[in-house]
Amino acid sequence: MLDLVEKIIHGFCLVVVLLVATLYIWFGVTSTTPEELVQPVRSTLIPEPARAAEAAMPEKQRELAQKIDEAQIRQKLQTQGVRTASGPIEKRHNTIPPSTFEIIQSEPNWSKQLNMVGSMLLTGAGNQKTRLKITKIHEHALLRKLGFETGDVIELLDGEITEFNEHSTLRYRSMFKDAVDRLRRGESTSVTITRNGQPVHLVFSL
């Protein structure tokens, strides 16, 4: 009888261990790296296409300059009701350090990070909540390390207008995972913001 009870207990413990291991593999482990030690992105200006052909220009910068469709960005911003000044849109290439990417790609880290940022929804296209303003951002928040600042308004994600609402949580999670997968494959992802009333196009890659 005691042998049977012992086997049941051992079997139960094994199931619990396997379940916990599966959850850690599936959902990831929250990073224990202090926020102040997280490395910020290395940010550089992306040149205008006319200058991108210069021999001294890094290949990555030339590729990005040729890919960005500024006219399309302006059209989408106008759809949002955002007035843009004449002249080129500021475009920045942000290189994410590998150690910082390890933290970004683990979903459990984001619940803590979201508590370090305040935001509010703004009306955009079709009177829908398609713009997101960062109202406060902690000094060591990961979003700040990625180049965002208090007052920034997120206008476009990968060049597209995105509606923000309480019913879109799963879609945001899917978009985030898609962006992480693209970065992992060596591709890029982008966020277009307005900062102090001026548009800034942020491109991220590893």
Protein backbone atom coordinates (compact mmCIF):
# COMPACT_ATOMS: atom_id res chain seq x y z
CA MET A 1 0.00 0.00 0.00
CA LEU A 2 2.80 2.40 0.96
CA ASP A 3 4.60 1.55 -2.30
CA LEU A 4 1.48 2.49 -4.26
CA VAL A 5 1.12 5.82 -2.42
CA GLU A 6 4.82 6.55 -2.95
CA LYS A 7 4.52 5.84 -6.68
CA ILE A 8 1.47 8.09 -6.95
CA ILE A 9 3.31 10.93 -5.18
CA HIS A 10 6.40 10.48 -7.36
CA GLY A 11 4.23 10.39 -10.46
CA PHE A 12 2.40 13.56 -9.40
CA CYS A 13 5.70 15.35 -8.71
CA LEU A 14 7.00 14.33 -12.13
CA VAL A 15 3.87 15.70 -13.81
CA VAL A 16 4.24 19.01 -11.92
CA VAL A 17 7.92 19.30 -12.89
CA LEU A 18 7.13 18.61 -16.55
CA LEU A 19 4.25 21.11 -16.49
CA VAL A 20 6.41 23.85 -14.97
CA ALA A 21 9.22 23.13 -17.44
CA THR A 22 6.77 23.31 -20.34
CA LEU A 23 5.38 26.65 -19.11
CA TYR A 24 8.88 28.11 -18.84
CA ILE A 25 9.79 26.91 -22.33
CA TRP A 26 6.49 28.15 -23.81
CA PHE A 27 6.18 31.52 -22.09
CA GLY A 28 9.81 32.24 -21.29
CA VAL A 29 11.44 33.44 -18.10
CA THR A 30 11.33 36.98 -16.79
CA SER A 31 14.72 38.63 -17.10
CA THR A 32 16.58 39.34 -13.87
CA THR A 33 18.85 41.93 -15.51
CA PRO A 34 18.48 45.31 -13.72
CA GLU A 35 16.86 47.92 -16.01
CA GLU A 36 19.76 50.33 -15.56
CA LEU A 37 22.14 47.74 -17.07
CA VAL A 38 20.06 47.20 -20.22
CA GLN A 39 21.96 48.59 -23.21
CA PRO A 40 20.21 51.25 -25.32
CA VAL A 41 19.93 51.00 -29.09
CA ARG A 42 22.62 52.57 -31.26
CA SER A 43 20.76 55.19 -33.27
CA THR A 44 21.98 56.72 -36.54
CA LEU A 45 20.30 58.97 -39.10
CA ILE A 46 19.21 57.27 -42.32
CA PRO A 47 20.33 59.41 -45.27
CA GLU A 48 18.13 60.64 -48.08
CA PRO A 49 18.06 58.24 -51.09
CA ALA A 50 20.02 60.72 -53.19
CA ARG A 51 22.90 60.52 -50.71
CA ALA A 52 22.57 56.81 -50.03
CA ALA A 53 24.65 55.90 -53.07
CA GLU A 54 27.75 57.52 -51.59
CA ALA A 55 30.56 54.97 -51.44
CA ALA A 56 31.34 55.71 -47.79
CA MET A 57 27.76 54.98 -46.72
CA PRO A 58 27.35 51.65 -44.85
CA GLU A 59 25.49 49.04 -46.90
CA LYS A 60 22.69 48.72 -44.32
CA GLN A 61 22.08 52.48 -44.43
CA ARG A 62 21.92 52.46 -48.24
CA GLU A 63 19.42 49.58 -48.23
CA LEU A 64 17.17 51.26 -45.67
CA ALA A 65 17.25 54.61 -47.47
CA GLN A 66 16.10 52.99 -50.70
CA LYS A 67 13.34 50.95 -49.01
CA ILE A 68 11.57 53.74 -47.10
CA ASP A 69 8.65 55.21 -49.03
CA GLU A 70 8.40 58.72 -47.55
CA ALA A 71 5.41 59.67 -49.72
CA GLN A 72 3.45 56.71 -48.34
CA ILE A 73 4.36 57.64 -44.77
CA ARG A 74 3.15 61.22 -45.34
CA GLN A 75 -0.10 59.97 -46.91
CA LYS A 76 -0.81 57.69 -43.93
CA LEU A 77 -0.02 60.51 -41.47
CA GLN A 78 -2.39 62.84 -43.33
CA THR A 79 -5.08 60.14 -43.10
CA GLN A 80 -4.48 60.23 -39.35
CA GLY A 81 -5.03 63.98 -39.37
CA VAL A 82 -1.37 64.70 -38.70
CA ARG A 83 -0.02 67.80 -40.41
CA THR A 84 3.60 67.49 -41.45
CA ALA A 85 5.97 70.30 -42.30
CA SER A 86 7.63 70.36 -45.69
CA GLY A 87 11.10 68.87 -45.92
CA PRO A 88 12.38 65.35 -45.37
CA ILE A 89 11.03 63.19 -42.54
CA GLU A 90 13.67 62.36 -39.94
CA LYS A 91 14.51 58.67 -40.28
CA ARG A 92 16.63 56.80 -37.77
CA HIS A 93 18.11 53.31 -37.82
CA ASN A 94 18.21 51.78 -34.34
CA THR A 95 20.49 48.78 -33.85
CA ILE A 96 19.31 46.62 -30.94
CA PRO A 97 22.12 45.02 -28.88
CA PRO A 98 21.80 41.20 -28.62
CA SER A 99 21.50 41.31 -24.81
CA THR A 100 18.67 43.84 -25.07
CA PHE A 101 16.91 41.74 -27.71
CA GLU A 102 17.00 38.74 -25.34
CA ILE A 103 14.88 40.78 -22.91
CA ILE A 104 12.57 42.14 -25.63
CA GLN A 105 11.70 38.73 -27.07
CA SER A 106 10.61 37.26 -23.73
CA GLU A 107 6.92 38.10 -23.18
CA PRO A 108 6.99 37.87 -19.35
CA ASN A 109 9.28 40.91 -19.29
CA TRP A 110 6.61 43.13 -20.85
CA SER A 111 4.11 43.13 -17.97
CA LYS A 112 6.74 44.80 -15.81
CA GLN A 113 7.80 47.14 -18.60
CA LEU A 114 4.23 48.28 -19.28
CA ASN A 115 4.00 49.45 -15.67
CA MET A 116 6.95 51.76 -16.36
CA VAL A 117 5.10 53.60 -19.14
CA GLY A 118 1.94 55.74 -19.16
CA SER A 119 -0.11 56.27 -22.30
CA MET A 120 -3.38 57.62 -23.65
CA LEU A 121 -5.36 56.94 -26.81
CA LEU A 122 -5.91 59.69 -29.38
CA THR A 123 -8.44 59.85 -32.20
CA GLY A 124 -7.10 59.33 -35.70
CA ALA A 125 -8.45 57.82 -38.90
CA GLY A 126 -12.25 57.58 -39.11
CA ASN A 127 -12.64 58.93 -35.57
CA GLN A 128 -11.12 55.69 -34.26
CA LYS A 129 -8.48 55.31 -31.57
CA THR A 130 -5.54 54.79 -33.91
CA ARG A 131 -2.90 56.92 -32.21
CA LEU A 132 -1.12 56.23 -28.91
CA LYS A 133 0.58 58.96 -26.91
CA ILE A 134 3.29 58.15 -24.36
CA THR A 135 2.43 60.35 -21.37
CA LYS A 136 5.23 59.21 -19.08
CA ILE A 137 8.19 56.89 -19.35
CA HIS A 138 10.48 55.71 -16.56
CA GLU A 139 14.16 56.60 -16.85
CA HIS A 140 15.17 52.93 -17.15
CA ALA A 141 12.15 51.68 -19.13
CA LEU A 142 12.95 49.45 -22.07
CA LEU A 143 10.96 51.72 -24.39
CA ARG A 144 13.30 54.58 -23.50
CA LYS A 145 16.28 52.34 -24.26
CA LEU A 146 14.65 51.72 -27.65
CA GLY A 147 14.63 55.46 -28.37
CA PHE A 148 11.14 56.57 -27.31
CA GLU A 149 10.47 59.67 -25.20
CA THR A 150 7.66 61.17 -23.13
CA GLY A 151 5.26 62.99 -25.47
CA ASP A 152 5.92 60.74 -28.48
CA VAL A 153 2.76 59.76 -30.38
CA ILE A 154 2.83 56.37 -32.08
CA GLU A 155 1.22 56.85 -35.49
CA LEU A 156 2.14 53.84 -37.65
CA LEU A 157 3.41 50.32 -37.01
CA ASP A 158 5.42 48.97 -39.93
CA GLY A 159 3.93 51.73 -42.06
CA GLU A 160 0.33 50.80 -41.26
CA ILE A 161 -2.43 52.53 -39.29
CA THR A 162 -3.36 50.36 -36.30
CA GLU A 163 -6.48 50.69 -34.16
CA PHE A 164 -5.81 50.51 -30.42
CA ASN A 165 -8.66 49.15 -28.30
CA GLU A 166 -9.41 46.72 -25.50
CA HIS A 167 -10.59 44.07 -27.97
CA SER A 168 -7.29 43.87 -29.87
CA THR A 169 -4.99 42.37 -27.21
CA LEU A 170 -4.45 39.10 -29.09
CA ARG A 171 -3.78 40.97 -32.33
CA TYR A 172 -1.16 43.15 -30.61
CA ARG A 173 0.50 40.03 -29.19
CA SER A 174 0.55 38.47 -32.66
CA MET A 175 1.98 41.67 -34.21
CA PHE A 176 4.65 41.80 -31.52
CA LYS A 177 5.64 38.18 -32.07
CA ASP A 178 5.76 38.75 -35.85
CA ALA A 179 8.06 41.74 -35.34
CA VAL A 180 10.34 39.72 -33.04
CA ASP A 181 10.47 36.89 -35.59
CA ARG A 182 11.44 39.34 -38.36
CA LEU A 183 14.22 40.77 -36.21
CA ARG A 184 15.44 37.27 -35.41
CA ARG A 185 15.60 36.52 -39.16
CA GLY A 186 17.78 39.57 -39.73
CA GLU A 187 14.97 41.73 -41.11
CA SER A 188 13.72 45.07 -39.73
CA THR A 189 10.57 46.49 -38.17
CA SER A 190 9.50 50.13 -37.93
CA VAL A 191 7.47 52.58 -35.86
CA THR A 192 6.51 56.03 -37.11
CA ILE A 193 5.98 58.62 -34.39
CA THR A 194 5.41 62.34 -34.10
CA ARG A 195 7.73 64.09 -31.67
CA ASN A 196 7.21 67.77 -30.86
CA GLY A 197 4.81 67.90 -33.81
CA GLN A 198 7.36 66.51 -36.28
CA PRO A 199 7.30 62.99 -37.80
CA VAL A 200 10.14 60.60 -37.03
CA HIS A 201 10.42 57.17 -38.67
CA LEU A 202 12.24 54.66 -36.43
CA VAL A 203 13.61 51.47 -38.01
CA PHE A 204 14.82 48.67 -35.75
CA SER A 205 17.12 45.75 -36.54
CA LEU A 206 19.73 43.61 -34.82
